[in-house]
Amino acid sequence: MQLSQRQSDGVVRLATLTKLKWEAQVIDLIRKDIKFYLWGKPGSGYEGVKTLNERADPPTISSLPRWEYLERLVEIYQSESLLAIEKSRQLMATWLFCALFLHDTMCKPGTLTFFGSKKENDSHALVNRSGFIYRRMPEFFRQVIISPQGDTDNTTSKCKLSFPDIGSAIIGIPEGPDQL
């Protein structure tokens, strides 16, 4: 059985409306549910935050691991107003906190997030991690929530990830008394 042009147009419109409804639901969940933003949900069509394993040869892009201690860090992050975590390596904590601060910056208008490190290059690397995560978010989410500005990759400039439509930014600063 072949569909008439009118029937075919109706099917396309229904598919488009269904896709738009799904996108709106995903956007709402990303904004409201930090764990959904970080790890997605099976069957939802959203896979969560993407990270870069720079130690692999060649470097690989993968989802943020859903390890128990990372989930606990998220719970603590959500419940505490001040948090200090001892320096860690190879535990994905830096990627996790870059993702958490990016979420706050994207979803809470007027948010200024500062990444501080001993050297400007190190703080720039943290801003770039947030930019990496942002660039791998679904395109429909990036278009609806913010329009970043910056250098050639359109997201980061020297130590800054800016979201002017909502007045938010992530800024990398080096250590020192005169930085803020």
Protein backbone atom coordinates (compact mmCIF):
# COMPACT_ATOMS: atom_id res chain seq x y z
CA MET A 1 0.00 0.00 0.00
CA GLN A 2 1.34 3.37 -0.99
CA LEU A 3 0.60 6.52 0.99
CA SER A 4 -0.88 9.53 -0.74
CA GLN A 5 1.12 12.77 -0.60
CA ARG A 6 -1.24 14.10 2.07
CA GLN A 7 -0.86 10.95 4.19
CA SER A 8 2.89 11.02 3.71
CA ASP A 9 3.06 14.68 4.80
CA GLY A 10 1.02 13.79 7.89
CA VAL A 11 3.43 10.99 8.82
CA VAL A 12 6.41 13.35 8.43
CA ARG A 13 4.67 15.99 10.57
CA LEU A 14 3.88 13.40 13.25
CA ALA A 15 7.49 12.15 13.23
CA THR A 16 8.74 15.75 13.49
CA LEU A 17 6.36 16.53 16.37
CA THR A 18 7.37 13.32 18.12
CA LYS A 19 11.06 14.19 17.72
CA LEU A 20 10.49 17.74 18.99
CA LYS A 21 8.55 16.40 21.99
CA TRP A 22 11.37 13.94 22.75
CA GLU A 23 13.99 16.71 22.44
CA ALA A 24 11.99 18.92 24.81
CA GLN A 25 11.76 16.08 27.35
CA VAL A 26 15.51 15.41 27.12
CA ILE A 27 16.30 19.14 27.53
CA ASP A 28 14.05 19.29 30.58
CA LEU A 29 15.70 16.21 32.12
CA ILE A 30 19.22 17.52 31.42
CA ARG A 31 18.35 20.79 33.15
CA LYS A 32 16.61 19.25 36.18
CA ASP A 33 18.32 15.89 36.78
CA ILE A 34 22.07 16.10 37.24
CA LYS A 35 22.51 12.32 37.11
CA PHE A 36 20.57 12.13 33.85
CA TYR A 37 22.81 14.88 32.46
CA LEU A 38 25.94 13.02 33.54
CA TRP A 39 25.01 9.43 32.65
CA GLY A 40 21.82 9.45 30.59
CA LYS A 41 19.33 6.64 30.96
CA PRO A 42 19.06 3.41 28.95
CA GLY A 43 16.39 3.71 26.28
CA SER A 44 16.22 7.52 26.55
CA GLY A 45 18.33 8.20 23.47
CA TYR A 46 20.69 10.37 25.53
CA GLU A 47 23.99 8.81 26.60
CA GLY A 48 25.27 11.44 29.03
CA VAL A 49 28.53 13.38 29.25
CA LYS A 50 31.42 12.45 26.97
CA THR A 51 35.04 12.51 28.12
CA LEU A 52 38.39 12.02 26.41
CA ASN A 53 40.80 9.31 27.46
CA GLU A 54 44.03 11.08 26.56
CA ARG A 55 46.16 8.17 27.77
CA ALA A 56 44.72 5.70 25.25
CA ASP A 57 46.51 5.24 21.95
CA PRO A 58 44.82 6.68 20.02
CA PRO A 59 42.87 8.93 22.45
CA THR A 60 39.24 7.81 22.70
CA ILE A 61 35.96 9.53 23.48
CA SER A 62 33.74 7.68 25.94
CA SER A 63 30.90 8.24 28.37
CA LEU A 64 31.69 9.38 31.90
CA PRO A 65 31.94 6.14 33.91
CA ARG A 66 29.13 5.59 36.38
CA TRP A 67 31.28 4.46 39.29
CA GLU A 68 29.86 4.36 42.80
CA TYR A 69 32.31 6.89 44.22
CA LEU A 70 31.55 9.36 41.39
CA GLU A 71 27.83 9.06 42.17
CA ARG A 72 28.62 9.71 45.83
CA LEU A 73 30.66 12.80 44.89
CA VAL A 74 27.64 14.08 42.92
CA GLU A 75 25.38 13.59 45.96
CA ILE A 76 27.85 15.46 48.18
CA TYR A 77 28.22 18.23 45.55
CA GLN A 78 24.44 18.67 45.52
CA SER A 79 24.04 18.75 49.29
CA GLU A 80 27.01 20.89 50.40
CA SER A 81 27.56 24.59 49.80
CA LEU A 82 31.33 24.31 50.31
CA LEU A 83 33.36 21.31 49.25
CA ALA A 84 37.09 20.52 49.38
CA ILE A 85 38.41 17.36 47.75
CA GLU A 86 41.99 16.21 48.06
CA LYS A 87 43.86 16.12 44.75
CA SER A 88 43.23 12.89 42.89
CA ARG A 89 44.62 11.38 39.70
CA GLN A 90 43.16 8.87 37.29
CA LEU A 91 39.81 8.78 39.14
CA MET A 92 37.82 10.91 36.66
CA ALA A 93 37.15 13.49 39.40
CA THR A 94 38.45 16.37 37.25
CA TRP A 95 36.18 15.36 34.36
CA LEU A 96 33.26 14.97 36.78
CA PHE A 97 33.68 18.42 38.30
CA CYS A 98 34.24 20.07 34.91
CA ALA A 99 30.90 18.50 33.88
CA LEU A 100 29.15 19.56 37.10
CA PHE A 101 30.36 23.15 36.86
CA LEU A 102 29.46 23.24 33.16
CA HIS A 103 25.93 22.09 34.03
CA ASP A 104 25.56 24.85 36.62
CA THR A 105 26.92 27.44 34.19
CA MET A 106 24.63 26.33 31.34
CA CYS A 107 21.46 25.84 33.38
CA LYS A 108 21.62 28.67 35.92
CA PRO A 109 21.59 32.09 34.23
CA GLY A 110 24.09 34.60 35.57
CA THR A 111 26.54 31.96 36.81
CA LEU A 112 30.25 32.79 36.80
CA THR A 113 32.43 29.76 37.41
CA PHE A 114 36.17 30.15 38.01
CA PHE A 115 38.71 27.37 37.51
CA GLY A 116 41.92 28.19 39.34
CA SER A 117 45.26 26.47 38.91
CA LYS A 118 48.94 27.22 39.50
CA LYS A 119 49.54 28.12 35.87
CA GLU A 120 47.28 29.73 33.31
CA ASN A 121 47.82 26.80 30.91
CA ASP A 122 46.50 24.39 33.54
CA SER A 123 43.38 26.46 34.17
CA HIS A 124 42.92 26.76 30.39
CA ALA A 125 43.04 22.95 30.17
CA LEU A 126 40.17 22.75 32.67
CA VAL A 127 38.10 25.26 30.68
CA ASN A 128 38.86 23.24 27.55
CA ARG A 129 37.58 20.06 29.23
CA SER A 130 34.26 21.80 29.87
CA GLY A 131 34.28 22.98 26.24
CA PHE A 132 34.96 19.40 25.10
CA ILE A 133 31.95 18.17 27.08
CA TYR A 134 29.77 21.00 25.78
CA ARG A 135 30.66 20.34 22.13
CA ARG A 136 29.54 16.71 22.54
CA MET A 137 26.14 17.54 23.99
CA PRO A 138 23.22 16.91 21.61
CA GLU A 139 22.98 19.71 19.05
CA PHE A 140 19.34 20.45 19.93
CA PHE A 141 20.38 21.06 23.56
CA ARG A 142 23.23 23.38 22.60
CA GLN A 143 20.98 25.40 20.29
CA VAL A 144 18.13 25.82 22.75
CA ILE A 145 20.02 26.64 25.93
CA ILE A 146 22.92 28.82 24.88
CA SER A 147 25.02 30.27 22.10
CA PRO A 148 28.63 30.27 23.20
CA GLN A 149 31.20 32.62 21.78
CA GLY A 150 34.94 32.32 21.52
CA ASP A 151 37.68 31.32 19.15
CA THR A 152 37.59 29.18 16.02
CA ASP A 153 35.82 26.23 17.64
CA ASN A 154 33.07 28.68 18.69
CA THR A 155 33.11 27.69 22.35
CA THR A 156 36.29 28.71 24.13
CA SER A 157 38.54 31.70 24.03
CA LYS A 158 41.70 32.06 26.10
CA CYS A 159 40.63 30.64 29.47
CA LYS A 160 36.93 31.42 28.99
CA LEU A 161 33.81 29.53 27.97
CA SER A 162 31.10 32.14 27.54
CA PHE A 163 27.31 31.86 27.28
CA PRO A 164 26.25 35.46 26.62
CA ASP A 165 22.56 34.70 25.99
CA ILE A 166 22.17 33.80 29.68
CA GLY A 167 25.01 35.89 31.14
CA SER A 168 27.05 32.90 32.30
CA ALA A 169 30.70 31.92 31.83
CA ILE A 170 33.47 29.61 32.94
CA ILE A 171 36.77 31.44 33.36
CA GLY A 172 40.20 29.93 33.97
CA ILE A 173 42.60 31.89 36.14
CA PRO A 174 46.16 31.27 37.34
CA GLU A 175 47.10 31.25 41.00
CA GLY A 176 47.92 34.61 42.54
CA PRO A 177 46.59 37.44 44.71
CA ASP A 178 45.45 39.73 41.88
CA GLN A 179 43.51 37.27 39.71
CA LEU A 180 39.87 37.82 40.65
